[in-house]
Amino acid sequence: MQEMREQGARELHTWSVDPESVRWYESHFGYRALGEEPLRHALHRWYWEGESFWGIHRGFRQRDMLTHLVTDLTAMETAS
């Protein structure tokens, strides 16, 4: 996050379907929830043992909404 701030980023967004993760982002990194958005399928590419794979990630089947979170990088203290 510090590196992104140093490169000029002003805020950072992330999304989560997990309420525990949302609380963790809020308590550890100062994120705040902007609201919820429908969970859609997402195509992801990942690498494992030198191989490249594509797959569709749907998240958790029992949840159909994502919490949209944002944190203000300009409010971070600079490391000394």
N, C-alpha and C. Protein backbone atom coordinates (compact mmCIF):
# COMPACT_ATOMS: atom_id res chain seq x y z
N MET A 1 0.81 -1.18 0.00
CA MET A 1 0.00 0.00 0.00
C MET A 1 0.87 1.25 0.00
N GLN A 2 1.97 1.19 0.76
CA GLN A 2 2.87 2.34 0.81
C GLN A 2 3.46 2.61 -0.57
N GLU A 3 3.85 1.56 -1.27
CA GLU A 3 4.43 1.73 -2.61
C GLU A 3 3.40 2.34 -3.57
N MET A 4 2.16 1.89 -3.49
CA MET A 4 1.12 2.47 -4.35
C MET A 4 0.94 3.95 -4.04
N ARG A 5 0.96 4.30 -2.76
CA ARG A 5 0.84 5.71 -2.36
C ARG A 5 2.00 6.53 -2.92
N GLU A 6 3.20 5.99 -2.80
CA GLU A 6 4.39 6.69 -3.31
C GLU A 6 4.33 6.87 -4.82
N GLN A 7 3.64 5.98 -5.53
CA GLN A 7 3.50 6.09 -6.99
C GLN A 7 2.34 7.03 -7.38
N GLY A 8 1.64 7.59 -6.39
CA GLY A 8 0.61 8.56 -6.68
C GLY A 8 -0.83 8.08 -6.54
N ALA A 9 -1.02 6.82 -6.15
CA ALA A 9 -2.39 6.33 -5.95
C ALA A 9 -2.99 7.04 -4.75
N ARG A 10 -4.26 7.42 -4.86
CA ARG A 10 -4.93 8.14 -3.79
C ARG A 10 -5.86 7.25 -2.96
N GLU A 11 -6.38 6.21 -3.58
CA GLU A 11 -7.24 5.30 -2.84
C GLU A 11 -7.10 3.90 -3.42
N LEU A 12 -7.53 2.93 -2.63
CA LEU A 12 -7.42 1.53 -3.02
C LEU A 12 -8.76 0.86 -2.78
N HIS A 13 -9.25 0.15 -3.78
CA HIS A 13 -10.53 -0.54 -3.70
C HIS A 13 -10.32 -2.04 -3.66
N THR A 14 -11.18 -2.73 -2.96
CA THR A 14 -11.21 -4.18 -2.96
C THR A 14 -12.65 -4.63 -2.73
N TRP A 15 -12.91 -5.89 -3.00
CA TRP A 15 -14.26 -6.44 -2.84
C TRP A 15 -14.15 -7.76 -2.09
N SER A 16 -15.18 -8.07 -1.30
CA SER A 16 -15.18 -9.33 -0.57
C SER A 16 -16.61 -9.83 -0.39
N VAL A 17 -16.76 -11.15 -0.39
CA VAL A 17 -18.04 -11.78 -0.10
C VAL A 17 -18.11 -12.24 1.35
N ASP A 18 -17.01 -12.16 2.06
CA ASP A 18 -16.90 -12.72 3.40
C ASP A 18 -16.96 -11.62 4.47
N PRO A 19 -17.99 -11.61 5.31
CA PRO A 19 -18.11 -10.58 6.36
C PRO A 19 -16.90 -10.50 7.29
N GLU A 20 -16.29 -11.65 7.61
CA GLU A 20 -15.09 -11.62 8.46
C GLU A 20 -13.94 -10.90 7.77
N SER A 21 -13.79 -11.14 6.47
CA SER A 21 -12.73 -10.45 5.72
C SER A 21 -13.00 -8.95 5.66
N VAL A 22 -14.26 -8.58 5.50
CA VAL A 22 -14.62 -7.15 5.47
C VAL A 22 -14.19 -6.50 6.79
N ARG A 23 -14.52 -7.12 7.91
CA ARG A 23 -14.14 -6.57 9.22
C ARG A 23 -12.62 -6.49 9.36
N TRP A 24 -11.91 -7.50 8.83
CA TRP A 24 -10.44 -7.50 8.90
C TRP A 24 -9.85 -6.33 8.10
N TYR A 25 -10.34 -6.14 6.87
CA TYR A 25 -9.86 -5.00 6.06
C TYR A 25 -10.14 -3.68 6.78
N GLU A 26 -11.30 -3.56 7.39
CA GLU A 26 -11.65 -2.32 8.09
C GLU A 26 -10.75 -2.09 9.29
N SER A 27 -10.51 -3.11 10.10
CA SER A 27 -9.73 -2.93 11.32
C SER A 27 -8.22 -2.85 11.08
N HIS A 28 -7.72 -3.53 10.06
CA HIS A 28 -6.28 -3.55 9.83
C HIS A 28 -5.78 -2.48 8.86
N PHE A 29 -6.62 -2.07 7.92
CA PHE A 29 -6.15 -1.16 6.88
C PHE A 29 -7.01 0.08 6.69
N GLY A 30 -7.98 0.28 7.57
CA GLY A 30 -8.79 1.50 7.50
C GLY A 30 -9.78 1.55 6.35
N TYR A 31 -10.10 0.40 5.77
CA TYR A 31 -11.09 0.39 4.69
C TYR A 31 -12.46 0.77 5.25
N ARG A 32 -13.32 1.29 4.39
CA ARG A 32 -14.72 1.51 4.74
C ARG A 32 -15.57 0.95 3.61
N ALA A 33 -16.72 0.43 3.98
CA ALA A 33 -17.62 -0.17 3.00
C ALA A 33 -18.35 0.93 2.23
N LEU A 34 -18.38 0.80 0.90
CA LEU A 34 -19.11 1.73 0.05
C LEU A 34 -20.51 1.22 -0.27
N GLY A 35 -20.72 -0.06 -0.10
CA GLY A 35 -22.01 -0.67 -0.41
C GLY A 35 -21.81 -2.07 -0.93
N GLU A 36 -22.87 -2.62 -1.48
CA GLU A 36 -22.82 -3.98 -2.01
C GLU A 36 -23.13 -3.98 -3.50
N GLU A 37 -22.56 -4.96 -4.19
CA GLU A 37 -22.74 -5.11 -5.63
C GLU A 37 -23.04 -6.58 -5.92
N PRO A 38 -23.80 -6.86 -6.97
CA PRO A 38 -24.06 -8.27 -7.32
C PRO A 38 -22.76 -9.00 -7.65
N LEU A 39 -22.67 -10.22 -7.19
CA LEU A 39 -21.51 -11.07 -7.49
C LEU A 39 -21.68 -11.63 -8.89
N ARG A 40 -20.70 -11.41 -9.73
CA ARG A 40 -20.72 -11.92 -11.10
C ARG A 40 -19.58 -12.91 -11.28
N HIS A 41 -19.66 -13.68 -12.32
CA HIS A 41 -18.57 -14.60 -12.63
C HIS A 41 -17.35 -13.80 -13.09
N ALA A 42 -16.18 -14.29 -12.77
CA ALA A 42 -14.95 -13.63 -13.17
C ALA A 42 -13.98 -14.67 -13.74
N LEU A 43 -13.38 -14.34 -14.85
CA LEU A 43 -12.38 -15.21 -15.46
C LEU A 43 -11.01 -14.87 -14.87
N HIS A 44 -10.34 -15.89 -14.34
CA HIS A 44 -9.04 -15.69 -13.71
C HIS A 44 -8.00 -16.58 -14.37
N ARG A 45 -6.78 -16.09 -14.38
CA ARG A 45 -5.64 -16.88 -14.84
C ARG A 45 -4.71 -17.05 -13.65
N TRP A 46 -4.24 -18.27 -13.42
CA TRP A 46 -3.29 -18.49 -12.36
C TRP A 46 -2.24 -19.47 -12.83
N TYR A 47 -1.14 -19.49 -12.09
CA TYR A 47 -0.01 -20.34 -12.42
C TYR A 47 0.27 -21.28 -11.26
N TRP A 48 0.52 -22.53 -11.60
CA TRP A 48 0.83 -23.52 -10.58
C TRP A 48 1.84 -24.49 -11.15
N GLU A 49 2.96 -24.62 -10.46
CA GLU A 49 4.05 -25.51 -10.86
C GLU A 49 4.43 -25.31 -12.33
N GLY A 50 4.58 -24.05 -12.70
CA GLY A 50 5.03 -23.71 -14.04
C GLY A 50 3.97 -23.80 -15.13
N GLU A 51 2.77 -24.18 -14.79
CA GLU A 51 1.67 -24.29 -15.76
C GLU A 51 0.73 -23.10 -15.62
N SER A 52 0.11 -22.71 -16.72
CA SER A 52 -0.86 -21.63 -16.74
C SER A 52 -2.26 -22.22 -16.85
N PHE A 53 -3.17 -21.74 -16.02
CA PHE A 53 -4.55 -22.24 -16.01
C PHE A 53 -5.53 -21.08 -16.09
N TRP A 54 -6.67 -21.30 -16.73
CA TRP A 54 -7.77 -20.35 -16.76
C TRP A 54 -8.96 -20.99 -16.07
N GLY A 55 -9.73 -20.19 -15.37
CA GLY A 55 -10.91 -20.72 -14.72
C GLY A 55 -11.90 -19.62 -14.41
N ILE A 56 -13.12 -20.02 -14.16
CA ILE A 56 -14.15 -19.06 -13.77
C ILE A 56 -14.35 -19.16 -12.27
N HIS A 57 -14.26 -18.03 -11.61
CA HIS A 57 -14.43 -17.97 -10.17
C HIS A 57 -15.77 -17.31 -9.87
N ARG A 58 -16.57 -17.94 -9.10
CA ARG A 58 -17.89 -17.41 -8.75
C ARG A 58 -17.93 -16.95 -7.31
N GLY A 59 -16.93 -17.24 -6.51
CA GLY A 59 -16.98 -16.88 -5.10
C GLY A 59 -17.73 -17.94 -4.33
N PHE A 60 -18.41 -17.53 -3.30
CA PHE A 60 -19.15 -18.46 -2.46
C PHE A 60 -20.57 -18.60 -2.96
N ARG A 61 -21.00 -19.82 -3.19
CA ARG A 61 -22.34 -20.07 -3.72
C ARG A 61 -23.45 -19.56 -2.81
N GLN A 62 -23.23 -19.55 -1.51
CA GLN A 62 -24.28 -19.14 -0.60
C GLN A 62 -24.42 -17.62 -0.50
N ARG A 63 -23.55 -16.88 -1.15
CA ARG A 63 -23.63 -15.42 -1.12
C ARG A 63 -23.73 -14.90 -2.55
N ASP A 64 -24.56 -13.89 -2.76
CA ASP A 64 -24.70 -13.36 -4.11
C ASP A 64 -24.37 -11.88 -4.21
N MET A 65 -23.82 -11.31 -3.11
CA MET A 65 -23.46 -9.90 -3.12
C MET A 65 -22.01 -9.74 -2.63
N LEU A 66 -21.31 -8.79 -3.23
CA LEU A 66 -19.95 -8.42 -2.82
C LEU A 66 -20.01 -7.11 -2.05
N THR A 67 -19.23 -6.99 -0.99
CA THR A 67 -19.07 -5.70 -0.31
C THR A 67 -17.92 -4.97 -1.00
N HIS A 68 -18.18 -3.74 -1.43
CA HIS A 68 -17.18 -2.88 -2.08
C HIS A 68 -16.54 -2.03 -0.98
N LEU A 69 -15.20 -2.15 -0.85
CA LEU A 69 -14.46 -1.45 0.18
C LEU A 69 -13.46 -0.48 -0.44
N VAL A 70 -13.16 0.60 0.26
CA VAL A 70 -12.17 1.56 -0.21
C VAL A 70 -11.37 2.06 1.01
N THR A 71 -10.09 2.37 0.78
CA THR A 71 -9.29 3.01 1.80
C THR A 71 -8.55 4.20 1.18
N ASP A 72 -8.34 5.21 1.99
CA ASP A 72 -7.69 6.46 1.55
C ASP A 72 -6.19 6.34 1.75
N LEU A 73 -5.45 6.22 0.66
CA LEU A 73 -3.99 6.08 0.77
C LEU A 73 -3.31 7.39 1.13
N THR A 74 -3.98 8.51 0.89
CA THR A 74 -3.36 9.81 1.23
C THR A 74 -3.32 10.02 2.73
N ALA A 75 -4.12 9.28 3.48
CA ALA A 75 -4.16 9.43 4.93
C ALA A 75 -3.10 8.57 5.63
N MET A 76 -2.42 7.70 4.87
CA MET A 76 -1.41 6.84 5.47
C MET A 76 -0.22 7.66 5.93
N GLU A 77 0.34 7.25 7.06
CA GLU A 77 1.56 7.89 7.54
C GLU A 77 2.72 7.40 6.67
N THR A 78 3.65 8.29 6.41
CA THR A 78 4.82 7.87 5.64
C THR A 78 5.81 7.17 6.55
N ALA A 79 6.43 6.13 6.04
CA ALA A 79 7.43 5.39 6.81
C ALA A 79 8.69 6.21 6.93
N SER A 80 9.30 6.18 8.10
CA SER A 80 10.54 6.95 8.27
C SER A 80 11.76 6.13 8.00
